N, C-alpha and C. Protein backbone atom coordinates (compact mmCIF):
# COMPACT_ATOMS: atom_id res chain seq x y z
N ASP A 1 0.86 -1.17 0.00
CA ASP A 1 0.00 0.00 0.00
C ASP A 1 0.91 1.23 0.00
N PRO A 2 0.91 2.01 -1.07
CA PRO A 2 1.82 3.15 -1.11
C PRO A 2 1.55 4.19 -0.04
N ILE A 3 0.28 4.41 0.30
CA ILE A 3 -0.06 5.27 1.44
C ILE A 3 -1.30 4.68 2.11
N ASP A 4 -1.11 4.15 3.31
CA ASP A 4 -2.24 3.70 4.12
C ASP A 4 -2.57 4.85 5.06
N GLY A 5 -3.80 5.29 5.03
CA GLY A 5 -4.19 6.49 5.76
C GLY A 5 -4.19 7.68 4.82
N THR A 6 -4.66 7.44 3.60
CA THR A 6 -4.62 8.47 2.56
C THR A 6 -5.34 9.75 2.96
N VAL A 7 -6.51 9.62 3.58
CA VAL A 7 -7.27 10.81 3.99
C VAL A 7 -6.46 11.61 5.01
N ASN A 8 -5.78 10.92 5.92
CA ASN A 8 -4.91 11.62 6.88
C ASN A 8 -3.80 12.36 6.15
N TYR A 9 -3.17 11.67 5.20
CA TYR A 9 -2.07 12.27 4.43
C TYR A 9 -2.54 13.53 3.70
N ILE A 10 -3.66 13.43 3.01
CA ILE A 10 -4.19 14.56 2.25
C ILE A 10 -4.50 15.74 3.16
N ASN A 11 -4.96 15.45 4.37
CA ASN A 11 -5.35 16.51 5.31
C ASN A 11 -4.25 16.88 6.31
N ARG A 12 -3.02 16.42 6.04
CA ARG A 12 -1.86 16.74 6.87
C ARG A 12 -2.01 16.26 8.32
N THR A 13 -2.70 15.16 8.50
CA THR A 13 -2.77 14.51 9.81
C THR A 13 -1.66 13.48 9.87
N PRO A 14 -0.75 13.58 10.81
CA PRO A 14 0.46 12.74 10.79
C PRO A 14 0.25 11.30 11.28
N TYR A 15 -0.69 10.60 10.66
CA TYR A 15 -0.96 9.20 10.99
C TYR A 15 -1.22 8.46 9.69
N TYR A 16 -0.14 8.14 8.98
CA TYR A 16 -0.20 7.41 7.72
C TYR A 16 1.12 6.68 7.56
N CYS A 17 1.16 5.76 6.60
CA CYS A 17 2.37 4.96 6.46
C CYS A 17 2.45 4.34 5.07
N VAL A 18 3.60 3.77 4.81
CA VAL A 18 3.84 2.99 3.60
C VAL A 18 3.95 1.53 4.04
N CYS A 19 3.28 0.62 3.33
CA CYS A 19 3.26 -0.80 3.71
C CYS A 19 3.76 -1.66 2.57
N ILE A 20 4.62 -2.60 2.90
CA ILE A 20 5.05 -3.61 1.93
C ILE A 20 4.86 -4.96 2.59
N GLY A 21 4.03 -5.79 2.00
CA GLY A 21 3.76 -7.12 2.55
C GLY A 21 3.96 -8.19 1.50
N LEU A 22 4.32 -9.37 1.96
CA LEU A 22 4.48 -10.52 1.08
C LEU A 22 3.60 -11.65 1.58
N ALA A 23 2.80 -12.19 0.68
CA ALA A 23 1.97 -13.35 1.00
C ALA A 23 2.41 -14.52 0.13
N VAL A 24 2.48 -15.69 0.75
CA VAL A 24 2.81 -16.93 0.04
C VAL A 24 1.68 -17.91 0.31
N LYS A 25 1.09 -18.44 -0.74
CA LYS A 25 -0.03 -19.38 -0.62
C LYS A 25 -1.13 -18.83 0.29
N ARG A 26 -1.48 -17.56 0.04
CA ARG A 26 -2.56 -16.87 0.74
C ARG A 26 -2.29 -16.59 2.21
N GLN A 27 -1.04 -16.68 2.63
CA GLN A 27 -0.66 -16.38 4.01
C GLN A 27 0.34 -15.23 4.03
N ALA A 28 0.09 -14.22 4.84
CA ALA A 28 1.02 -13.10 4.99
C ALA A 28 2.24 -13.60 5.76
N VAL A 29 3.43 -13.46 5.16
CA VAL A 29 4.64 -14.01 5.78
C VAL A 29 5.70 -12.96 6.10
N LEU A 30 5.62 -11.80 5.47
CA LEU A 30 6.64 -10.77 5.67
C LEU A 30 5.99 -9.41 5.57
N GLY A 31 6.36 -8.50 6.45
CA GLY A 31 5.80 -7.16 6.38
C GLY A 31 6.77 -6.10 6.85
N VAL A 32 6.71 -4.96 6.18
CA VAL A 32 7.45 -3.77 6.58
C VAL A 32 6.49 -2.59 6.50
N ILE A 33 6.43 -1.81 7.56
CA ILE A 33 5.57 -0.64 7.62
C ILE A 33 6.43 0.54 8.06
N TYR A 34 6.39 1.61 7.26
CA TYR A 34 7.19 2.79 7.56
C TYR A 34 6.27 3.97 7.81
N ASN A 35 6.42 4.58 8.99
CA ASN A 35 5.68 5.79 9.34
C ASN A 35 6.65 6.96 9.18
N PRO A 36 6.54 7.73 8.09
CA PRO A 36 7.51 8.79 7.84
C PRO A 36 7.44 9.95 8.84
N THR A 37 6.30 10.15 9.48
CA THR A 37 6.20 11.27 10.41
C THR A 37 6.91 11.00 11.73
N THR A 38 7.05 9.73 12.09
CA THR A 38 7.73 9.38 13.34
C THR A 38 9.06 8.66 13.10
N GLN A 39 9.36 8.41 11.83
CA GLN A 39 10.57 7.67 11.45
C GLN A 39 10.59 6.27 12.05
N GLU A 40 9.41 5.66 12.19
CA GLU A 40 9.32 4.30 12.74
C GLU A 40 9.26 3.30 11.59
N ILE A 41 10.06 2.25 11.71
CA ILE A 41 10.03 1.14 10.77
C ILE A 41 9.69 -0.13 11.54
N PHE A 42 8.52 -0.66 11.25
CA PHE A 42 8.06 -1.91 11.84
C PHE A 42 8.37 -3.02 10.83
N SER A 43 8.83 -4.17 11.31
CA SER A 43 9.04 -5.29 10.40
C SER A 43 8.72 -6.59 11.12
N GLY A 44 8.29 -7.57 10.35
CA GLY A 44 7.97 -8.87 10.92
C GLY A 44 8.06 -9.95 9.87
N SER A 45 8.47 -11.13 10.30
CA SER A 45 8.61 -12.26 9.38
C SER A 45 8.23 -13.54 10.09
N THR A 46 7.37 -14.32 9.43
CA THR A 46 7.04 -15.63 9.99
C THR A 46 8.16 -16.63 9.74
N VAL A 47 9.07 -16.31 8.82
CA VAL A 47 10.20 -17.20 8.54
C VAL A 47 11.25 -17.07 9.63
N THR A 48 11.63 -15.83 9.95
CA THR A 48 12.66 -15.62 10.99
C THR A 48 12.06 -15.53 12.38
N LYS A 49 10.72 -15.52 12.46
CA LYS A 49 10.00 -15.44 13.74
C LYS A 49 10.38 -14.18 14.52
N THR A 50 10.48 -13.05 13.79
CA THR A 50 10.85 -11.80 14.44
C THR A 50 9.82 -10.72 14.14
N SER A 51 9.77 -9.75 15.04
CA SER A 51 8.93 -8.57 14.89
C SER A 51 9.65 -7.44 15.59
N THR A 52 9.96 -6.37 14.84
CA THR A 52 10.76 -5.29 15.43
C THR A 52 10.20 -3.92 15.09
N LEU A 53 10.58 -2.96 15.91
CA LEU A 53 10.34 -1.54 15.68
C LEU A 53 11.70 -0.87 15.72
N ASN A 54 12.16 -0.36 14.60
CA ASN A 54 13.49 0.24 14.48
C ASN A 54 14.57 -0.68 15.04
N GLY A 55 14.44 -1.97 14.76
CA GLY A 55 15.44 -2.95 15.14
C GLY A 55 15.30 -3.51 16.55
N VAL A 56 14.35 -3.03 17.33
CA VAL A 56 14.13 -3.51 18.70
C VAL A 56 12.89 -4.40 18.72
N ALA A 57 13.00 -5.54 19.39
CA ALA A 57 11.90 -6.51 19.41
C ALA A 57 10.61 -5.89 19.93
N LEU A 58 9.50 -6.22 19.26
CA LEU A 58 8.17 -5.78 19.67
C LEU A 58 7.52 -6.83 20.55
N SER A 59 6.63 -6.37 21.43
CA SER A 59 5.85 -7.29 22.25
C SER A 59 4.42 -6.76 22.37
N ALA A 60 3.47 -7.60 22.05
CA ALA A 60 2.06 -7.22 22.12
C ALA A 60 1.48 -7.38 23.52
N ASP A 61 2.32 -7.54 24.51
CA ASP A 61 1.85 -7.73 25.87
C ASP A 61 1.12 -6.49 26.39
N CYS A 62 -0.08 -6.70 26.90
CA CYS A 62 -0.89 -5.67 27.55
C CYS A 62 -1.59 -6.32 28.73
N ASP A 63 -1.86 -5.54 29.75
CA ASP A 63 -2.62 -6.05 30.88
C ASP A 63 -4.07 -6.24 30.44
N GLU A 64 -4.55 -7.48 30.54
CA GLU A 64 -5.93 -7.77 30.11
C GLU A 64 -6.77 -8.33 31.24
N THR A 65 -6.42 -8.02 32.44
CA THR A 65 -7.18 -8.57 33.56
C THR A 65 -8.47 -7.81 33.82
N ASN A 66 -8.58 -6.60 33.29
CA ASN A 66 -9.75 -5.78 33.57
C ASN A 66 -10.18 -5.05 32.29
N HIS A 67 -11.36 -5.36 31.78
CA HIS A 67 -11.85 -4.69 30.57
C HIS A 67 -11.91 -3.18 30.76
N ASN A 68 -12.13 -2.72 31.99
CA ASN A 68 -12.24 -1.28 32.23
C ASN A 68 -10.95 -0.54 31.93
N ASN A 69 -9.83 -1.23 31.81
CA ASN A 69 -8.56 -0.59 31.48
C ASN A 69 -8.16 -0.79 30.03
N MET A 70 -8.98 -1.48 29.26
CA MET A 70 -8.62 -1.80 27.88
C MET A 70 -8.85 -0.63 26.93
N ILE A 71 -8.01 -0.59 25.90
CA ILE A 71 -8.16 0.38 24.83
C ILE A 71 -8.40 -0.40 23.55
N PHE A 72 -9.49 -0.07 22.86
CA PHE A 72 -9.81 -0.68 21.58
C PHE A 72 -9.65 0.36 20.48
N VAL A 73 -9.35 -0.11 19.29
CA VAL A 73 -9.27 0.74 18.11
C VAL A 73 -10.22 0.17 17.07
N THR A 74 -10.92 1.04 16.37
CA THR A 74 -11.78 0.64 15.27
C THR A 74 -11.77 1.73 14.23
N GLU A 75 -12.42 1.50 13.13
CA GLU A 75 -12.58 2.50 12.07
C GLU A 75 -13.96 2.29 11.47
N PHE A 76 -14.50 3.33 10.88
CA PHE A 76 -15.76 3.22 10.17
C PHE A 76 -15.57 3.23 8.67
N GLY A 77 -14.39 3.54 8.18
CA GLY A 77 -14.12 3.53 6.75
C GLY A 77 -14.94 4.57 6.00
N SER A 78 -15.01 4.42 4.70
CA SER A 78 -15.69 5.41 3.87
C SER A 78 -17.03 4.93 3.30
N ASP A 79 -17.38 3.68 3.51
CA ASP A 79 -18.64 3.12 3.02
C ASP A 79 -19.79 3.64 3.88
N ARG A 80 -20.68 4.41 3.27
CA ARG A 80 -21.81 4.98 4.01
C ARG A 80 -23.14 4.39 3.57
N THR A 81 -23.12 3.17 3.01
CA THR A 81 -24.37 2.52 2.68
C THR A 81 -25.14 2.28 3.98
N PRO A 82 -26.44 2.19 3.92
CA PRO A 82 -27.21 1.98 5.14
C PRO A 82 -26.77 0.73 5.92
N ALA A 83 -26.49 -0.37 5.23
CA ALA A 83 -26.10 -1.61 5.92
C ALA A 83 -24.77 -1.44 6.64
N LYS A 84 -23.79 -0.82 5.98
CA LYS A 84 -22.46 -0.64 6.60
C LYS A 84 -22.53 0.38 7.73
N THR A 85 -23.31 1.42 7.54
CA THR A 85 -23.48 2.41 8.61
C THR A 85 -24.09 1.75 9.84
N GLN A 86 -25.10 0.91 9.64
CA GLN A 86 -25.73 0.24 10.78
C GLN A 86 -24.77 -0.71 11.48
N VAL A 87 -23.97 -1.47 10.71
CA VAL A 87 -23.03 -2.39 11.36
C VAL A 87 -21.96 -1.61 12.12
N ASN A 88 -21.55 -0.45 11.61
CA ASN A 88 -20.58 0.37 12.34
C ASN A 88 -21.17 0.86 13.67
N LEU A 89 -22.42 1.30 13.64
CA LEU A 89 -23.07 1.73 14.88
C LEU A 89 -23.23 0.57 15.85
N ASP A 90 -23.63 -0.60 15.32
CA ASP A 90 -23.78 -1.78 16.17
C ASP A 90 -22.44 -2.22 16.74
N MET A 91 -21.37 -2.10 15.94
CA MET A 91 -20.05 -2.49 16.45
C MET A 91 -19.61 -1.54 17.56
N ALA A 92 -19.81 -0.25 17.36
CA ALA A 92 -19.44 0.71 18.40
C ALA A 92 -20.19 0.40 19.70
N LYS A 93 -21.48 0.09 19.57
CA LYS A 93 -22.28 -0.26 20.75
C LYS A 93 -21.74 -1.53 21.42
N ALA A 94 -21.42 -2.55 20.62
CA ALA A 94 -20.90 -3.80 21.17
C ALA A 94 -19.57 -3.57 21.88
N LEU A 95 -18.72 -2.76 21.29
CA LEU A 95 -17.43 -2.47 21.93
C LEU A 95 -17.64 -1.70 23.23
N LEU A 96 -18.53 -0.72 23.22
CA LEU A 96 -18.82 0.05 24.43
C LEU A 96 -19.40 -0.82 25.54
N GLU A 97 -20.19 -1.82 25.15
CA GLU A 97 -20.79 -2.71 26.16
C GLU A 97 -19.76 -3.59 26.86
N LEU A 98 -18.54 -3.68 26.31
CA LEU A 98 -17.46 -4.41 26.98
C LEU A 98 -16.76 -3.52 28.01
N HIS A 99 -17.17 -2.26 28.10
CA HIS A 99 -16.68 -1.28 29.08
C HIS A 99 -15.18 -1.03 29.00
N PRO A 100 -14.65 -0.76 27.81
CA PRO A 100 -13.23 -0.43 27.74
C PRO A 100 -12.97 0.96 28.31
N ARG A 101 -11.72 1.25 28.58
CA ARG A 101 -11.35 2.59 29.02
C ARG A 101 -11.54 3.60 27.88
N ALA A 102 -11.22 3.16 26.64
CA ALA A 102 -11.32 4.07 25.51
C ALA A 102 -11.48 3.29 24.20
N ILE A 103 -12.07 3.95 23.22
CA ILE A 103 -12.12 3.45 21.84
C ILE A 103 -11.54 4.55 20.97
N ARG A 104 -10.58 4.19 20.15
CA ARG A 104 -9.86 5.16 19.32
C ARG A 104 -10.10 4.88 17.83
N MET A 105 -9.93 5.90 17.01
CA MET A 105 -9.92 5.78 15.55
C MET A 105 -8.75 6.59 15.04
N GLY A 106 -7.84 5.92 14.31
CA GLY A 106 -6.65 6.62 13.85
C GLY A 106 -6.68 6.99 12.38
N GLY A 107 -7.29 6.15 11.55
CA GLY A 107 -7.37 6.44 10.14
C GLY A 107 -6.39 5.68 9.27
N SER A 108 -5.65 4.74 9.85
CA SER A 108 -4.71 3.90 9.09
C SER A 108 -4.80 2.49 9.64
N ALA A 109 -5.28 1.55 8.82
CA ALA A 109 -5.42 0.17 9.28
C ALA A 109 -4.08 -0.40 9.73
N ALA A 110 -3.04 -0.18 8.95
CA ALA A 110 -1.72 -0.74 9.28
C ALA A 110 -1.19 -0.17 10.59
N LEU A 111 -1.29 1.14 10.79
CA LEU A 111 -0.80 1.72 12.04
C LEU A 111 -1.69 1.33 13.22
N ASN A 112 -2.99 1.15 12.97
CA ASN A 112 -3.86 0.65 14.04
C ASN A 112 -3.39 -0.73 14.48
N CYS A 113 -3.02 -1.58 13.52
CA CYS A 113 -2.49 -2.90 13.86
C CYS A 113 -1.21 -2.78 14.68
N MET A 114 -0.39 -1.78 14.37
CA MET A 114 0.88 -1.62 15.08
C MET A 114 0.66 -1.21 16.53
N THR A 115 -0.49 -0.58 16.85
CA THR A 115 -0.76 -0.27 18.26
C THR A 115 -0.94 -1.55 19.06
N VAL A 116 -1.44 -2.60 18.41
CA VAL A 116 -1.54 -3.91 19.08
C VAL A 116 -0.16 -4.55 19.16
N ALA A 117 0.60 -4.51 18.07
CA ALA A 117 1.92 -5.14 18.03
C ALA A 117 2.86 -4.55 19.08
N ARG A 118 2.73 -3.28 19.35
CA ARG A 118 3.63 -2.64 20.32
C ARG A 118 3.05 -2.66 21.74
N GLY A 119 1.84 -3.19 21.90
CA GLY A 119 1.26 -3.32 23.23
C GLY A 119 0.66 -2.03 23.77
N SER A 120 0.34 -1.07 22.89
CA SER A 120 -0.24 0.18 23.38
C SER A 120 -1.77 0.20 23.30
N CYS A 121 -2.35 -0.83 22.71
CA CYS A 121 -3.80 -1.02 22.79
C CYS A 121 -4.06 -2.52 22.79
N HIS A 122 -5.25 -2.89 23.17
CA HIS A 122 -5.58 -4.30 23.35
C HIS A 122 -6.14 -4.98 22.11
N ALA A 123 -6.87 -4.20 21.29
CA ALA A 123 -7.47 -4.81 20.12
C ALA A 123 -7.84 -3.76 19.08
N TYR A 124 -7.79 -4.20 17.84
CA TYR A 124 -8.24 -3.40 16.69
C TYR A 124 -9.26 -4.26 15.96
N VAL A 125 -10.44 -3.69 15.71
CA VAL A 125 -11.54 -4.40 15.06
C VAL A 125 -12.08 -3.52 13.94
N GLU A 126 -12.21 -4.10 12.74
CA GLU A 126 -12.77 -3.31 11.64
C GLU A 126 -13.30 -4.20 10.54
N TYR A 127 -14.40 -3.76 9.94
CA TYR A 127 -14.89 -4.33 8.68
C TYR A 127 -14.51 -3.34 7.59
N GLY A 128 -13.83 -3.81 6.56
CA GLY A 128 -13.53 -2.95 5.43
C GLY A 128 -12.12 -2.97 4.90
N PRO A 129 -11.10 -3.25 5.71
CA PRO A 129 -9.74 -3.21 5.16
C PRO A 129 -9.56 -4.19 3.99
N HIS A 130 -8.77 -3.77 3.05
CA HIS A 130 -8.41 -4.60 1.90
C HIS A 130 -7.13 -5.37 2.23
N PRO A 131 -6.81 -6.40 1.44
CA PRO A 131 -5.57 -7.15 1.71
C PRO A 131 -4.33 -6.26 1.80
N TRP A 132 -4.23 -5.24 0.95
CA TRP A 132 -3.05 -4.38 0.98
C TRP A 132 -2.98 -3.53 2.24
N ASP A 133 -4.09 -3.39 2.97
CA ASP A 133 -4.10 -2.65 4.23
C ASP A 133 -3.53 -3.46 5.39
N VAL A 134 -3.63 -4.79 5.29
CA VAL A 134 -3.26 -5.63 6.45
C VAL A 134 -2.16 -6.66 6.17
N CYS A 135 -1.81 -6.89 4.92
CA CYS A 135 -0.84 -7.94 4.60
C CYS A 135 0.49 -7.72 5.32
N ALA A 136 1.00 -6.50 5.31
CA ALA A 136 2.26 -6.22 5.99
C ALA A 136 2.12 -6.31 7.51
N ALA A 137 0.95 -5.94 8.02
CA ALA A 137 0.74 -5.88 9.47
C ALA A 137 0.60 -7.25 10.12
N ILE A 138 -0.01 -8.19 9.43
CA ILE A 138 -0.30 -9.49 10.05
C ILE A 138 0.95 -10.19 10.58
N PRO A 139 2.04 -10.35 9.80
CA PRO A 139 3.21 -11.02 10.37
C PRO A 139 3.88 -10.21 11.48
N ILE A 140 3.79 -8.90 11.42
CA ILE A 140 4.38 -8.07 12.49
C ILE A 140 3.62 -8.32 13.79
N VAL A 141 2.29 -8.29 13.72
CA VAL A 141 1.47 -8.51 14.92
C VAL A 141 1.67 -9.92 15.47
N THR A 142 1.58 -10.92 14.61
CA THR A 142 1.65 -12.30 15.11
C THR A 142 3.03 -12.63 15.68
N GLN A 143 4.07 -12.11 15.07
CA GLN A 143 5.42 -12.40 15.60
C GLN A 143 5.73 -11.59 16.85
N ALA A 144 4.93 -10.56 17.13
CA ALA A 144 5.06 -9.81 18.38
C ALA A 144 4.25 -10.47 19.50
N GLY A 145 3.53 -11.54 19.16
CA GLY A 145 2.73 -12.25 20.15
C GLY A 145 1.25 -11.94 20.08
N GLY A 146 0.84 -11.11 19.14
CA GLY A 146 -0.58 -10.80 18.97
C GLY A 146 -1.28 -11.87 18.15
N HIS A 147 -2.57 -11.71 17.99
CA HIS A 147 -3.39 -12.70 17.30
C HIS A 147 -4.29 -12.00 16.29
N VAL A 148 -4.50 -12.66 15.15
CA VAL A 148 -5.34 -12.11 14.09
C VAL A 148 -6.32 -13.18 13.67
N ILE A 149 -7.61 -12.83 13.72
CA ILE A 149 -8.64 -13.76 13.27
C ILE A 149 -9.65 -12.99 12.43
N PRO A 150 -10.40 -13.70 11.58
CA PRO A 150 -11.49 -13.03 10.85
C PRO A 150 -12.58 -12.60 11.82
N ALA A 151 -13.20 -11.47 11.56
CA ALA A 151 -14.32 -11.04 12.39
C ALA A 151 -15.50 -11.99 12.25
N ASP A 152 -15.63 -12.58 11.08
CA ASP A 152 -16.71 -13.52 10.80
C ASP A 152 -16.24 -14.93 11.15
N PRO A 153 -16.87 -15.60 12.11
CA PRO A 153 -16.43 -16.94 12.51
C PRO A 153 -16.57 -17.99 11.41
N ASP A 154 -17.33 -17.70 10.34
CA ASP A 154 -17.49 -18.64 9.24
C ASP A 154 -16.36 -18.58 8.22
N VAL A 155 -15.48 -17.60 8.34
CA VAL A 155 -14.36 -17.46 7.40
C VAL A 155 -13.21 -18.37 7.83
N ASP A 156 -12.64 -19.08 6.88
CA ASP A 156 -11.49 -19.96 7.14
C ASP A 156 -10.23 -19.11 7.19
N ALA A 157 -9.63 -18.99 8.36
CA ALA A 157 -8.44 -18.15 8.53
C ALA A 157 -7.25 -18.67 7.73
N GLN A 158 -7.21 -19.96 7.45
CA GLN A 158 -6.07 -20.52 6.71
C GLN A 158 -6.10 -20.17 5.23
N THR A 159 -7.29 -19.98 4.67
CA THR A 159 -7.36 -19.72 3.23
C THR A 159 -7.88 -18.33 2.88
N ASP A 160 -8.64 -17.71 3.77
CA ASP A 160 -9.32 -16.47 3.39
C ASP A 160 -9.04 -15.27 4.30
N LEU A 161 -8.06 -15.37 5.19
CA LEU A 161 -7.82 -14.27 6.12
C LEU A 161 -7.49 -12.96 5.39
N LEU A 162 -6.65 -13.03 4.37
CA LEU A 162 -6.27 -11.80 3.67
C LEU A 162 -7.41 -11.16 2.89
N THR A 163 -8.39 -11.92 2.50
CA THR A 163 -9.45 -11.39 1.65
C THR A 163 -10.80 -11.24 2.35
N CYS A 164 -10.86 -11.49 3.65
CA CYS A 164 -12.16 -11.50 4.33
C CYS A 164 -12.73 -10.12 4.61
N ARG A 165 -11.91 -9.08 4.65
CA ARG A 165 -12.33 -7.69 4.85
C ARG A 165 -12.97 -7.41 6.20
N GLY A 166 -12.77 -8.29 7.17
CA GLY A 166 -13.22 -8.05 8.53
C GLY A 166 -12.22 -8.70 9.47
N TYR A 167 -11.63 -7.91 10.36
CA TYR A 167 -10.52 -8.41 11.17
C TYR A 167 -10.68 -8.10 12.65
N ILE A 168 -10.19 -9.04 13.45
CA ILE A 168 -10.01 -8.81 14.87
C ILE A 168 -8.53 -9.07 15.13
N ILE A 169 -7.85 -8.07 15.60
CA ILE A 169 -6.43 -8.16 15.88
C ILE A 169 -6.28 -7.80 17.35
N ALA A 170 -5.82 -8.74 18.14
CA ALA A 170 -5.80 -8.53 19.59
C ALA A 170 -4.57 -9.15 20.23
N THR A 171 -4.38 -8.83 21.49
CA THR A 171 -3.20 -9.28 22.20
C THR A 171 -3.30 -10.72 22.69
N THR A 172 -4.51 -11.26 22.82
CA THR A 172 -4.65 -12.66 23.26
C THR A 172 -5.75 -13.36 22.47
N PRO A 173 -5.67 -14.70 22.37
CA PRO A 173 -6.74 -15.43 21.70
C PRO A 173 -8.08 -15.29 22.42
N THR A 174 -8.05 -15.21 23.74
CA THR A 174 -9.29 -15.07 24.50
C THR A 174 -9.99 -13.78 24.15
N LEU A 175 -9.24 -12.70 24.05
CA LEU A 175 -9.85 -11.42 23.70
C LEU A 175 -10.38 -11.47 22.26
N CYS A 176 -9.66 -12.11 21.36
CA CYS A 176 -10.17 -12.29 19.98
C CYS A 176 -11.53 -12.96 20.00
N GLN A 177 -11.65 -14.05 20.75
CA GLN A 177 -12.90 -14.80 20.79
C GLN A 177 -14.02 -13.99 21.44
N THR A 178 -13.69 -13.25 22.50
CA THR A 178 -14.69 -12.40 23.15
C THR A 178 -15.23 -11.37 22.16
N LEU A 179 -14.32 -10.75 21.43
CA LEU A 179 -14.74 -9.73 20.47
C LEU A 179 -15.53 -10.36 19.32
N GLN A 180 -15.08 -11.51 18.83
CA GLN A 180 -15.77 -12.16 17.72
C GLN A 180 -17.20 -12.51 18.09
N SER A 181 -17.42 -12.92 19.32
CA SER A 181 -18.78 -13.29 19.74
C SER A 181 -19.61 -12.06 20.13
N SER A 182 -18.99 -10.90 20.30
CA SER A 182 -19.70 -9.70 20.74
C SER A 182 -20.11 -8.76 19.61
N ILE A 183 -19.30 -8.69 18.57
CA ILE A 183 -19.57 -7.71 17.52
C ILE A 183 -20.58 -8.25 16.50
N PRO A 184 -21.28 -7.35 15.80
CA PRO A 184 -22.23 -7.80 14.78
C PRO A 184 -21.49 -8.39 13.59
N GLN A 185 -22.15 -9.25 12.85
CA GLN A 185 -21.55 -9.83 11.65
C GLN A 185 -21.94 -9.00 10.43
N PHE A 186 -21.01 -8.94 9.49
CA PHE A 186 -21.23 -8.19 8.26
C PHE A 186 -20.53 -8.90 7.13
N LYS A 187 -21.21 -9.07 6.02
CA LYS A 187 -20.64 -9.76 4.84
C LYS A 187 -20.46 -8.76 3.72
N TYR A 188 -19.28 -8.77 3.12
CA TYR A 188 -19.05 -7.95 1.92
C TYR A 188 -19.45 -8.73 0.71
């Protein structure tokens, strides 16, 4: 993705990045994400089993003992059809009902994923990202100890994760499952 967070870039909001991802047999295996405003380079590889930020190992560890201290990230994207608008409202309600400390929206799917990889938020949930928005992020998150699952439990993560357009990216499998069972389902 030459610019993830294009609307931010156009409006001079310093939350955008360049993403380069490699998928082999429908699995994201290598990713590099560069945030030019902060000079941060995130990288991850399922081959070398590494995930780094400017050469320092990343860890998705966050305290998850109390939902009241959790920070979630989501996005509503640009689709304003009635069905997508309703699912966005329902998702916001479902996330709020888990009583997190905060829900954030940054405007860049890849950088939102990096907040999980670096352990600064507990989960990122969104319907809408394209494969080029998440391909680079998936190996970085997973090699940092985070977890990525389809938002739709009927999607096969082994064959369709990159193309499902609905993601739950979280610090633990338990939180992934909690979110998957709490948020509304939406099919593209």
